[in-house]
């Protein structure tokens, strides 16, 4: 079989993810709430849509991503997504 198995979602890969097992509805993580993995989510679009006073909060949250195994597994994509948010 030549088809690649689909990637697991970030909350499935990261055993310490606080979203694991939580209901999606009302989740504090916008990616989880919408069913996207962190590397699939449009972080720039999300942050841009927020009031400017909340941008620094989400920039700081995304700065914590690098040690995560999900970041390492999708490093090029995550680095690009975080760089886009940093530029805001």
PDB file of N, CA and C in Angstrom:
ATOM      1  N   UNK A   1       0.844  -1.173   0.000  1.00  0.00           N
ATOM      2  CA  UNK A   1       0.000   0.000   0.000  1.00  0.00           C
ATOM      3  C   UNK A   1       0.890   1.237   0.000  1.00  0.00           C
ATOM      4  N   UNK A   2       0.627   2.176  -0.896  1.00  0.00           N
ATOM      5  CA  UNK A   2       1.478   3.348  -1.034  1.00  0.00           C
ATOM      6  C   UNK A   2       0.885   4.597  -0.402  1.00  0.00           C
ATOM      7  N   UNK A   3      -0.379   4.563  -0.019  1.00  0.00           N
ATOM      8  CA  UNK A   3      -0.996   5.739   0.590  1.00  0.00           C
ATOM      9  C   UNK A   3      -0.434   5.969   1.985  1.00  0.00           C
ATOM     10  N   UNK A   4      -0.116   7.222   2.262  1.00  0.00           N
ATOM     11  CA  UNK A   4       0.388   7.589   3.584  1.00  0.00           C
ATOM     12  C   UNK A   4      -0.791   7.700   4.547  1.00  0.00           C
ATOM     13  N   UNK A   5      -0.625   7.175   5.745  1.00  0.00           N
ATOM     14  CA  UNK A   5      -1.671   7.304   6.760  1.00  0.00           C
ATOM     15  C   UNK A   5      -1.800   8.773   7.133  1.00  0.00           C
ATOM     16  N   UNK A   6      -3.012   9.248   7.372  1.00  0.00           N
ATOM     17  CA  UNK A   6      -3.182  10.659   7.731  1.00  0.00           C
ATOM     18  C   UNK A   6      -2.537  10.965   9.079  1.00  0.00           C
ATOM     19  N   UNK A   7      -2.054  12.184   9.193  1.00  0.00           N
ATOM     20  CA  UNK A   7      -1.466  12.627  10.460  1.00  0.00           C
ATOM     21  C   UNK A   7      -2.520  12.641  11.548  1.00  0.00           C
ATOM     22  N   UNK A   8      -2.059  12.306  12.729  1.00  0.00           N
ATOM     23  CA  UNK A   8      -2.943  12.446  13.879  1.00  0.00           C
ATOM     24  C   UNK A   8      -3.041  13.923  14.214  1.00  0.00           C
ATOM     25  N   UNK A   9      -4.104  14.285  14.871  1.00  0.00           N
ATOM     26  CA  UNK A   9      -4.294  15.668  15.290  1.00  0.00           C
ATOM     27  C   UNK A   9      -3.309  16.007  16.394  1.00  0.00           C
ATOM     28  N   UNK A  10      -3.033  17.282  16.563  1.00  0.00           N
ATOM     29  CA  UNK A  10      -2.021  17.702  17.538  1.00  0.00           C
ATOM     30  C   UNK A  10      -2.374  17.265  18.952  1.00  0.00           C
ATOM     31  N   UNK A  11      -3.643  17.320  19.318  1.00  0.00           N
ATOM     32  CA  UNK A  11      -4.020  16.912  20.676  1.00  0.00           C
ATOM     33  C   UNK A  11      -3.916  15.401  20.872  1.00  0.00           C
ATOM     34  N   UNK A  12      -3.863  14.645  19.762  1.00  0.00           N
ATOM     35  CA  UNK A  12      -3.630  13.204  19.849  1.00  0.00           C
ATOM     36  C   UNK A  12      -2.127  12.910  19.957  1.00  0.00           C
ATOM     37  N   UNK A  13      -1.320  13.732  19.286  1.00  0.00           N
ATOM     38  CA  UNK A  13       0.131  13.538  19.297  1.00  0.00           C
ATOM     39  C   UNK A  13       0.752  14.009  20.609  1.00  0.00           C
ATOM     40  N   UNK A  14       0.291  15.136  21.113  1.00  0.00           N
ATOM     41  CA  UNK A  14       0.873  15.745  22.302  1.00  0.00           C
ATOM     42  C   UNK A  14       0.138  15.236  23.538  1.00  0.00           C
ATOM     43  N   UNK A  15       0.771  14.334  24.240  1.00  0.00           N
ATOM     44  CA  UNK A  15       0.128  13.715  25.400  1.00  0.00           C
ATOM     45  C   UNK A  15      -0.121  14.691  26.542  1.00  0.00           C
ATOM     46  N   UNK A  16       0.559  15.829  26.531  1.00  0.00           N
ATOM     47  CA  UNK A  16       0.349  16.815  27.594  1.00  0.00           C
ATOM     48  C   UNK A  16      -0.564  17.960  27.159  1.00  0.00           C
ATOM     49  N   UNK A  17      -1.180  17.829  26.010  1.00  0.00           N
ATOM     50  CA  UNK A  17      -2.076  18.882  25.524  1.00  0.00           C
ATOM     51  C   UNK A  17      -3.250  19.042  26.492  1.00  0.00           C
ATOM     52  N   UNK A  18      -3.471  20.257  26.988  1.00  0.00           N
ATOM     53  CA  UNK A  18      -4.577  20.461  27.927  1.00  0.00           C
ATOM     54  C   UNK A  18      -5.949  20.299  27.286  1.00  0.00           C
ATOM     55  N   UNK A  19      -6.009  20.264  25.956  1.00  0.00           N
ATOM     56  CA  UNK A  19      -7.285  20.108  25.271  1.00  0.00           C
ATOM     57  C   UNK A  19      -7.731  18.651  25.180  1.00  0.00           C
ATOM     58  N   UNK A  20      -6.791  17.743  25.347  1.00  0.00           N
ATOM     59  CA  UNK A  20      -7.072  16.304  25.224  1.00  0.00           C
ATOM     60  C   UNK A  20      -8.263  15.897  26.076  1.00  0.00           C
ATOM     61  N   UNK A  21      -9.255  15.309  25.437  1.00  0.00           N
ATOM     62  CA  UNK A  21     -10.415  14.800  26.148  1.00  0.00           C
ATOM     63  C   UNK A  21     -11.425  15.856  26.544  1.00  0.00           C
ATOM     64  N   UNK A  22     -11.140  17.116  26.235  1.00  0.00           N
ATOM     65  CA  UNK A  22     -12.072  18.194  26.573  1.00  0.00           C
ATOM     66  C   UNK A  22     -13.089  18.370  25.442  1.00  0.00           C
ATOM     67  N   UNK A  23     -14.265  18.877  25.773  1.00  0.00           N
ATOM     68  CA  UNK A  23     -15.222  19.163  24.702  1.00  0.00           C
ATOM     69  C   UNK A  23     -14.697  20.291  23.817  1.00  0.00           C
ATOM     70  N   UNK A  24     -14.917  20.204  22.536  1.00  0.00           N
ATOM     71  CA  UNK A  24     -14.451  21.249  21.619  1.00  0.00           C
ATOM     72  C   UNK A  24     -15.237  22.536  21.793  1.00  0.00           C
ATOM     73  N   UNK A  25     -16.511  22.397  22.011  1.00  0.00           N
ATOM     74  CA  UNK A  25     -17.361  23.576  22.168  1.00  0.00           C
ATOM     75  C   UNK A  25     -16.881  24.399  23.361  1.00  0.00           C
ATOM     76  N   UNK A  26     -16.574  25.652  23.120  1.00  0.00           N
ATOM     77  CA  UNK A  26     -16.134  26.539  24.183  1.00  0.00           C
ATOM     78  C   UNK A  26     -14.674  26.396  24.560  1.00  0.00           C
ATOM     79  N   UNK A  27     -13.911  25.600  23.829  1.00  0.00           N
ATOM     80  CA  UNK A  27     -12.493  25.402  24.134  1.00  0.00           C
ATOM     81  C   UNK A  27     -11.734  26.724  24.018  1.00  0.00           C
ATOM     82  N   UNK A  28     -10.722  26.887  24.858  1.00  0.00           N
ATOM     83  CA  UNK A  28      -9.895  28.089  24.795  1.00  0.00           C
ATOM     84  C   UNK A  28      -8.947  28.072  23.591  1.00  0.00           C
ATOM     85  N   UNK A  29      -8.724  26.903  23.004  1.00  0.00           N
ATOM     86  CA  UNK A  29      -7.855  26.783  21.829  1.00  0.00           C
ATOM     87  C   UNK A  29      -8.710  26.864  20.564  1.00  0.00           C
ATOM     88  N   UNK A  30      -8.512  27.899  19.748  1.00  0.00           N
ATOM     89  CA  UNK A  30      -9.348  28.038  18.552  1.00  0.00           C
ATOM     90  C   UNK A  30      -9.143  26.918  17.535  1.00  0.00           C
ATOM     91  N   UNK A  31      -7.931  26.396  17.421  1.00  0.00           N
ATOM     92  CA  UNK A  31      -7.671  25.302  16.479  1.00  0.00           C
ATOM     93  C   UNK A  31      -8.438  24.054  16.915  1.00  0.00           C
ATOM     94  N   UNK A  32      -8.335  23.708  18.182  1.00  0.00           N
ATOM     95  CA  UNK A  32      -9.033  22.535  18.716  1.00  0.00           C
ATOM     96  C   UNK A  32     -10.545  22.697  18.577  1.00  0.00           C
ATOM     97  N   UNK A  33     -11.021  23.890  18.898  1.00  0.00           N
ATOM     98  CA  UNK A  33     -12.462  24.158  18.821  1.00  0.00           C
ATOM     99  C   UNK A  33     -12.995  23.891  17.418  1.00  0.00           C
ATOM    100  N   UNK A  34     -12.199  24.202  16.393  1.00  0.00           N
ATOM    101  CA  UNK A  34     -12.626  24.005  15.004  1.00  0.00           C
ATOM    102  C   UNK A  34     -12.207  22.653  14.421  1.00  0.00           C
ATOM    103  N   UNK A  35     -11.470  21.845  15.221  1.00  0.00           N
ATOM    104  CA  UNK A  35     -11.071  20.519  14.765  1.00  0.00           C
ATOM    105  C   UNK A  35      -9.825  20.504  13.902  1.00  0.00           C
ATOM    106  N   UNK A  36      -9.030  21.579  13.960  1.00  0.00           N
ATOM    107  CA  UNK A  36      -7.784  21.662  13.209  1.00  0.00           C
ATOM    108  C   UNK A  36      -6.599  21.375  14.113  1.00  0.00           C
ATOM    109  N   UNK A  37      -5.562  20.795  13.540  1.00  0.00           N
ATOM    110  CA  UNK A  37      -4.293  20.701  14.248  1.00  0.00           C
ATOM    111  C   UNK A  37      -3.630  22.063  14.195  1.00  0.00           C
ATOM    112  N   UNK A  38      -2.696  22.295  15.107  1.00  0.00           N
ATOM    113  CA  UNK A  38      -2.035  23.602  15.197  1.00  0.00           C
ATOM    114  C   UNK A  38      -1.373  23.997  13.882  1.00  0.00           C
ATOM    115  N   UNK A  39      -0.788  23.048  13.168  1.00  0.00           N
ATOM    116  CA  UNK A  39      -0.094  23.357  11.920  1.00  0.00           C
ATOM    117  C   UNK A  39      -1.063  23.596  10.765  1.00  0.00           C
ATOM    118  N   UNK A  40      -2.325  23.236  10.925  1.00  0.00           N
ATOM    119  CA  UNK A  40      -3.332  23.442   9.887  1.00  0.00           C
ATOM    120  C   UNK A  40      -4.085  24.767  10.062  1.00  0.00           C
ATOM    121  N   UNK A  41      -4.016  25.324  11.248  1.00  0.00           N
ATOM    122  CA  UNK A  41      -4.837  26.475  11.612  1.00  0.00           C
ATOM    123  C   UNK A  41      -4.238  27.783  11.103  1.00  0.00           C
ATOM    124  N   UNK A  42      -5.105  28.696  10.691  1.00  0.00           N
ATOM    125  CA  UNK A  42      -4.695  30.022  10.224  1.00  0.00           C
ATOM    126  C   UNK A  42      -4.526  30.948  11.426  1.00  0.00           C
ATOM    127  N   UNK A  43      -3.373  30.861  12.076  1.00  0.00           N
ATOM    128  CA  UNK A  43      -3.127  31.656  13.280  1.00  0.00           C
ATOM    129  C   UNK A  43      -3.090  33.143  12.962  1.00  0.00           C
ATOM    130  N   UNK A  44      -2.509  33.507  11.849  1.00  0.00           N
ATOM    131  CA  UNK A  44      -2.441  34.930  11.483  1.00  0.00           C
ATOM    132  C   UNK A  44      -3.847  35.492  11.313  1.00  0.00           C
ATOM    133  N   UNK A  45      -4.683  34.795  10.580  1.00  0.00           N
ATOM    134  CA  UNK A  45      -6.061  35.248  10.376  1.00  0.00           C
ATOM    135  C   UNK A  45      -6.824  35.333  11.684  1.00  0.00           C
ATOM    136  N   UNK A  46      -6.612  34.358  12.555  1.00  0.00           N
ATOM    137  CA  UNK A  46      -7.276  34.356  13.856  1.00  0.00           C
ATOM    138  C   UNK A  46      -6.851  35.565  14.676  1.00  0.00           C
ATOM    139  N   UNK A  47      -5.531  35.773  14.787  1.00  0.00           N
ATOM    140  CA  UNK A  47      -5.026  36.873  15.611  1.00  0.00           C
ATOM    141  C   UNK A  47      -5.432  38.221  15.016  1.00  0.00           C
ATOM    142  N   UNK A  48      -5.336  38.360  13.705  1.00  0.00           N
ATOM    143  CA  UNK A  48      -5.723  39.625  13.055  1.00  0.00           C
ATOM    144  C   UNK A  48      -7.173  39.992  13.314  1.00  0.00           C
ATOM    145  N   UNK A  49      -8.022  38.995  13.453  1.00  0.00           N
ATOM    146  CA  UNK A  49      -9.449  39.242  13.669  1.00  0.00           C
ATOM    147  C   UNK A  49      -9.759  39.682  15.105  1.00  0.00           C
ATOM    148  N   UNK A  50      -8.804  39.519  15.994  1.00  0.00           N
ATOM    149  CA  UNK A  50      -8.996  39.907  17.396  1.00  0.00           C
ATOM    150  C   UNK A  50      -8.719  41.400  17.574  1.00  0.00           C
ATOM    151  N   UNK A  51      -9.234  41.982  18.661  1.00  0.00           N
ATOM    152  CA  UNK A  51      -8.833  43.355  18.984  1.00  0.00           C
ATOM    153  C   UNK A  51      -7.314  43.396  19.209  1.00  0.00           C
ATOM    154  N   UNK A  52      -6.674  44.457  18.794  1.00  0.00           N
ATOM    155  CA  UNK A  52      -5.213  44.571  18.854  1.00  0.00           C
ATOM    156  C   UNK A  52      -4.651  44.333  20.250  1.00  0.00           C
ATOM    157  N   UNK A  53      -5.409  44.658  21.281  1.00  0.00           N
ATOM    158  CA  UNK A  53      -4.899  44.470  22.647  1.00  0.00           C
ATOM    159  C   UNK A  53      -4.757  42.987  23.018  1.00  0.00           C
ATOM    160  N   UNK A  54      -5.312  42.079  22.233  1.00  0.00           N
ATOM    161  CA  UNK A  54      -5.184  40.636  22.504  1.00  0.00           C
ATOM    162  C   UNK A  54      -4.071  39.978  21.687  1.00  0.00           C
ATOM    163  N   UNK A  55      -3.484  40.713  20.768  1.00  0.00           N
ATOM    164  CA  UNK A  55      -2.461  40.142  19.900  1.00  0.00           C
ATOM    165  C   UNK A  55      -1.251  39.652  20.685  1.00  0.00           C
ATOM    166  N   UNK A  56      -0.777  40.437  21.628  1.00  0.00           N
ATOM    167  CA  UNK A  56       0.415  40.048  22.389  1.00  0.00           C
ATOM    168  C   UNK A  56       0.191  38.754  23.164  1.00  0.00           C
ATOM    169  N   UNK A  57      -1.016  38.557  23.666  1.00  0.00           N
ATOM    170  CA  UNK A  57      -1.334  37.320  24.395  1.00  0.00           C
ATOM    171  C   UNK A  57      -1.133  36.117  23.480  1.00  0.00           C
ATOM    172  N   UNK A  58      -1.692  36.162  22.276  1.00  0.00           N
ATOM    173  CA  UNK A  58      -1.597  35.023  21.367  1.00  0.00           C
ATOM    174  C   UNK A  58      -0.195  34.870  20.794  1.00  0.00           C
ATOM    175  N   UNK A  59       0.518  35.971  20.611  1.00  0.00           N
ATOM    176  CA  UNK A  59       1.922  35.871  20.192  1.00  0.00           C
ATOM    177  C   UNK A  59       2.712  35.116  21.254  1.00  0.00           C
ATOM    178  N   UNK A  60       2.477  35.438  22.518  1.00  0.00           N
ATOM    179  CA  UNK A  60       3.179  34.758  23.614  1.00  0.00           C
ATOM    180  C   UNK A  60       2.806  33.280  23.677  1.00  0.00           C
ATOM    181  N   UNK A  61       1.550  32.954  23.446  1.00  0.00           N
ATOM    182  CA  UNK A  61       1.107  31.546  23.432  1.00  0.00           C
ATOM    183  C   UNK A  61       1.865  30.790  22.341  1.00  0.00           C
ATOM    184  N   UNK A  62       1.933  31.357  21.159  1.00  0.00           N
ATOM    185  CA  UNK A  62       2.595  30.681  20.036  1.00  0.00           C
ATOM    186  C   UNK A  62       4.103  30.574  20.240  1.00  0.00           C
ATOM    187  N   UNK A  63       4.694  31.454  21.022  1.00  0.00           N
ATOM    188  CA  UNK A  63       6.125  31.367  21.314  1.00  0.00           C
ATOM    189  C   UNK A  63       6.447  30.123  22.145  1.00  0.00           C
ATOM    190  N   UNK A  64       5.465  29.520  22.748  1.00  0.00           N
ATOM    191  CA  UNK A  64       5.666  28.335  23.576  1.00  0.00           C
ATOM    192  C   UNK A  64       5.631  27.033  22.771  1.00  0.00           C
ATOM    193  N   UNK A  65       5.442  27.120  21.477  1.00  0.00           N
ATOM    194  CA  UNK A  65       5.239  25.933  20.639  1.00  0.00           C
ATOM    195  C   UNK A  65       6.501  25.122  20.346  1.00  0.00           C
ATOM    196  N   UNK A  66       7.625  25.764  20.251  1.00  0.00           N
ATOM    197  CA  UNK A  66       8.832  25.100  19.747  1.00  0.00           C
ATOM    198  C   UNK A  66       9.204  23.794  20.446  1.00  0.00           C
ATOM    199  N   UNK A  67       9.101  23.662  21.762  1.00  0.00           N
ATOM    200  CA  UNK A  67       9.471  22.384  22.394  1.00  0.00           C
ATOM    201  C   UNK A  67       8.488  21.237  22.123  1.00  0.00           C
ATOM    202  N   UNK A  68       7.324  21.538  21.614  1.00  0.00           N
ATOM    203  CA  UNK A  68       6.280  20.527  21.400  1.00  0.00           C
ATOM    204  C   UNK A  68       6.636  19.588  20.254  1.00  0.00           C
ATOM    205  N   UNK A  69       6.319  18.330  20.405  1.00  0.00           N
ATOM    206  CA  UNK A  69       6.559  17.341  19.365  1.00  0.00           C
ATOM    207  C   UNK A  69       5.801  17.630  18.078  1.00  0.00           C
ATOM    208  N   UNK A  70       4.650  18.256  18.186  1.00  0.00           N
ATOM    209  CA  UNK A  70       3.864  18.624  16.987  1.00  0.00           C
ATOM    210  C   UNK A  70       4.625  19.664  16.174  1.00  0.00           C
ATOM    211  N   UNK A  71       5.212  20.628  16.870  1.00  0.00           N
ATOM    212  CA  UNK A  71       6.027  21.640  16.191  1.00  0.00           C
ATOM    213  C   UNK A  71       7.170  20.954  15.461  1.00  0.00           C
ATOM    214  N   UNK A  72       7.842  20.049  16.149  1.00  0.00           N
ATOM    215  CA  UNK A  72       8.984  19.356  15.551  1.00  0.00           C
ATOM    216  C   UNK A  72       8.570  18.508  14.346  1.00  0.00           C
ATOM    217  N   UNK A  73       7.402  17.894  14.427  1.00  0.00           N
ATOM    218  CA  UNK A  73       6.923  17.045  13.322  1.00  0.00           C
ATOM    219  C   UNK A  73       6.496  17.862  12.104  1.00  0.00           C
ATOM    220  N   UNK A  74       6.144  19.118  12.321  1.00  0.00           N
ATOM    221  CA  UNK A  74       5.667  20.006  11.246  1.00  0.00           C
ATOM    222  C   UNK A  74       6.404  21.338  11.318  1.00  0.00           C
ATOM    223  N   UNK A  75       7.707  21.250  11.533  1.00  0.00           N
ATOM    224  CA  UNK A  75       8.508  22.425  11.844  1.00  0.00           C
ATOM    225  C   UNK A  75       8.442  23.525  10.790  1.00  0.00           C
ATOM    226  N   UNK A  76       8.575  23.187   9.540  1.00  0.00           N
ATOM    227  CA  UNK A  76       8.574  24.217   8.494  1.00  0.00           C
ATOM    228  C   UNK A  76       7.250  24.980   8.481  1.00  0.00           C
ATOM    229  N   UNK A  77       6.167  24.254   8.553  1.00  0.00           N
ATOM    230  CA  UNK A  77       4.847  24.888   8.548  1.00  0.00           C
ATOM    231  C   UNK A  77       4.630  25.724   9.797  1.00  0.00           C
ATOM    232  N   UNK A  78       4.966  25.172  10.963  1.00  0.00           N
ATOM    233  CA  UNK A  78       4.767  25.899  12.215  1.00  0.00           C
ATOM    234  C   UNK A  78       5.656  27.138  12.276  1.00  0.00           C
ATOM    235  N   UNK A  79       6.888  27.017  11.845  1.00  0.00           N
ATOM    236  CA  UNK A  79       7.781  28.173  11.856  1.00  0.00           C
ATOM    237  C   UNK A  79       7.208  29.299  11.004  1.00  0.00           C
ATOM    238  N   UNK A  80       6.673  28.943   9.827  1.00  0.00           N
ATOM    239  CA  UNK A  80       6.075  29.937   8.933  1.00  0.00           C
ATOM    240  C   UNK A  80       4.837  30.580   9.567  1.00  0.00           C
ATOM    241  N   UNK A  81       3.969  29.763  10.157  1.00  0.00           N
ATOM    242  CA  UNK A  81       2.746  30.293  10.768  1.00  0.00           C
ATOM    243  C   UNK A  81       3.060  31.236  11.931  1.00  0.00           C
ATOM    244  N   UNK A  82       4.029  30.850  12.753  1.00  0.00           N
ATOM    245  CA  UNK A  82       4.400  31.688  13.896  1.00  0.00           C
ATOM    246  C   UNK A  82       5.085  32.968  13.407  1.00  0.00           C
ATOM    247  N   UNK A  83       5.905  32.873  12.391  1.00  0.00           N
ATOM    248  CA  UNK A  83       6.577  34.059  11.834  1.00  0.00           C
ATOM    249  C   UNK A  83       5.551  35.064  11.310  1.00  0.00           C
ATOM    250  N   UNK A  84       4.482  34.569  10.698  1.00  0.00           N
ATOM    251  CA  UNK A  84       3.420  35.458  10.205  1.00  0.00           C
ATOM    252  C   UNK A  84       2.781  36.236  11.348  1.00  0.00           C
ATOM    253  N   UNK A  85       2.560  35.561  12.458  1.00  0.00           N
ATOM    254  CA  UNK A  85       1.946  36.218  13.618  1.00  0.00           C
ATOM    255  C   UNK A  85       2.925  37.203  14.250  1.00  0.00           C
ATOM    256  N   UNK A  86       4.174  36.855  14.314  1.00  0.00           N
ATOM    257  CA  UNK A  86       5.197  37.755  14.890  1.00  0.00           C
ATOM    258  C   UNK A  86       5.237  39.087  14.165  1.00  0.00           C
ATOM    259  N   UNK A  87       4.989  39.065  12.857  1.00  0.00           N
ATOM    260  CA  UNK A  87       5.055  40.286  12.039  1.00  0.00           C
ATOM    261  C   UNK A  87       3.890  41.247  12.312  1.00  0.00           C
ATOM    262  N   UNK A  88       2.862  40.774  12.957  1.00  0.00           N
ATOM    263  CA  UNK A  88       1.697  41.646  13.202  1.00  0.00           C
ATOM    264  C   UNK A  88       2.040  42.752  14.173  1.00  0.00           C
TER     265      UNK A  88
END
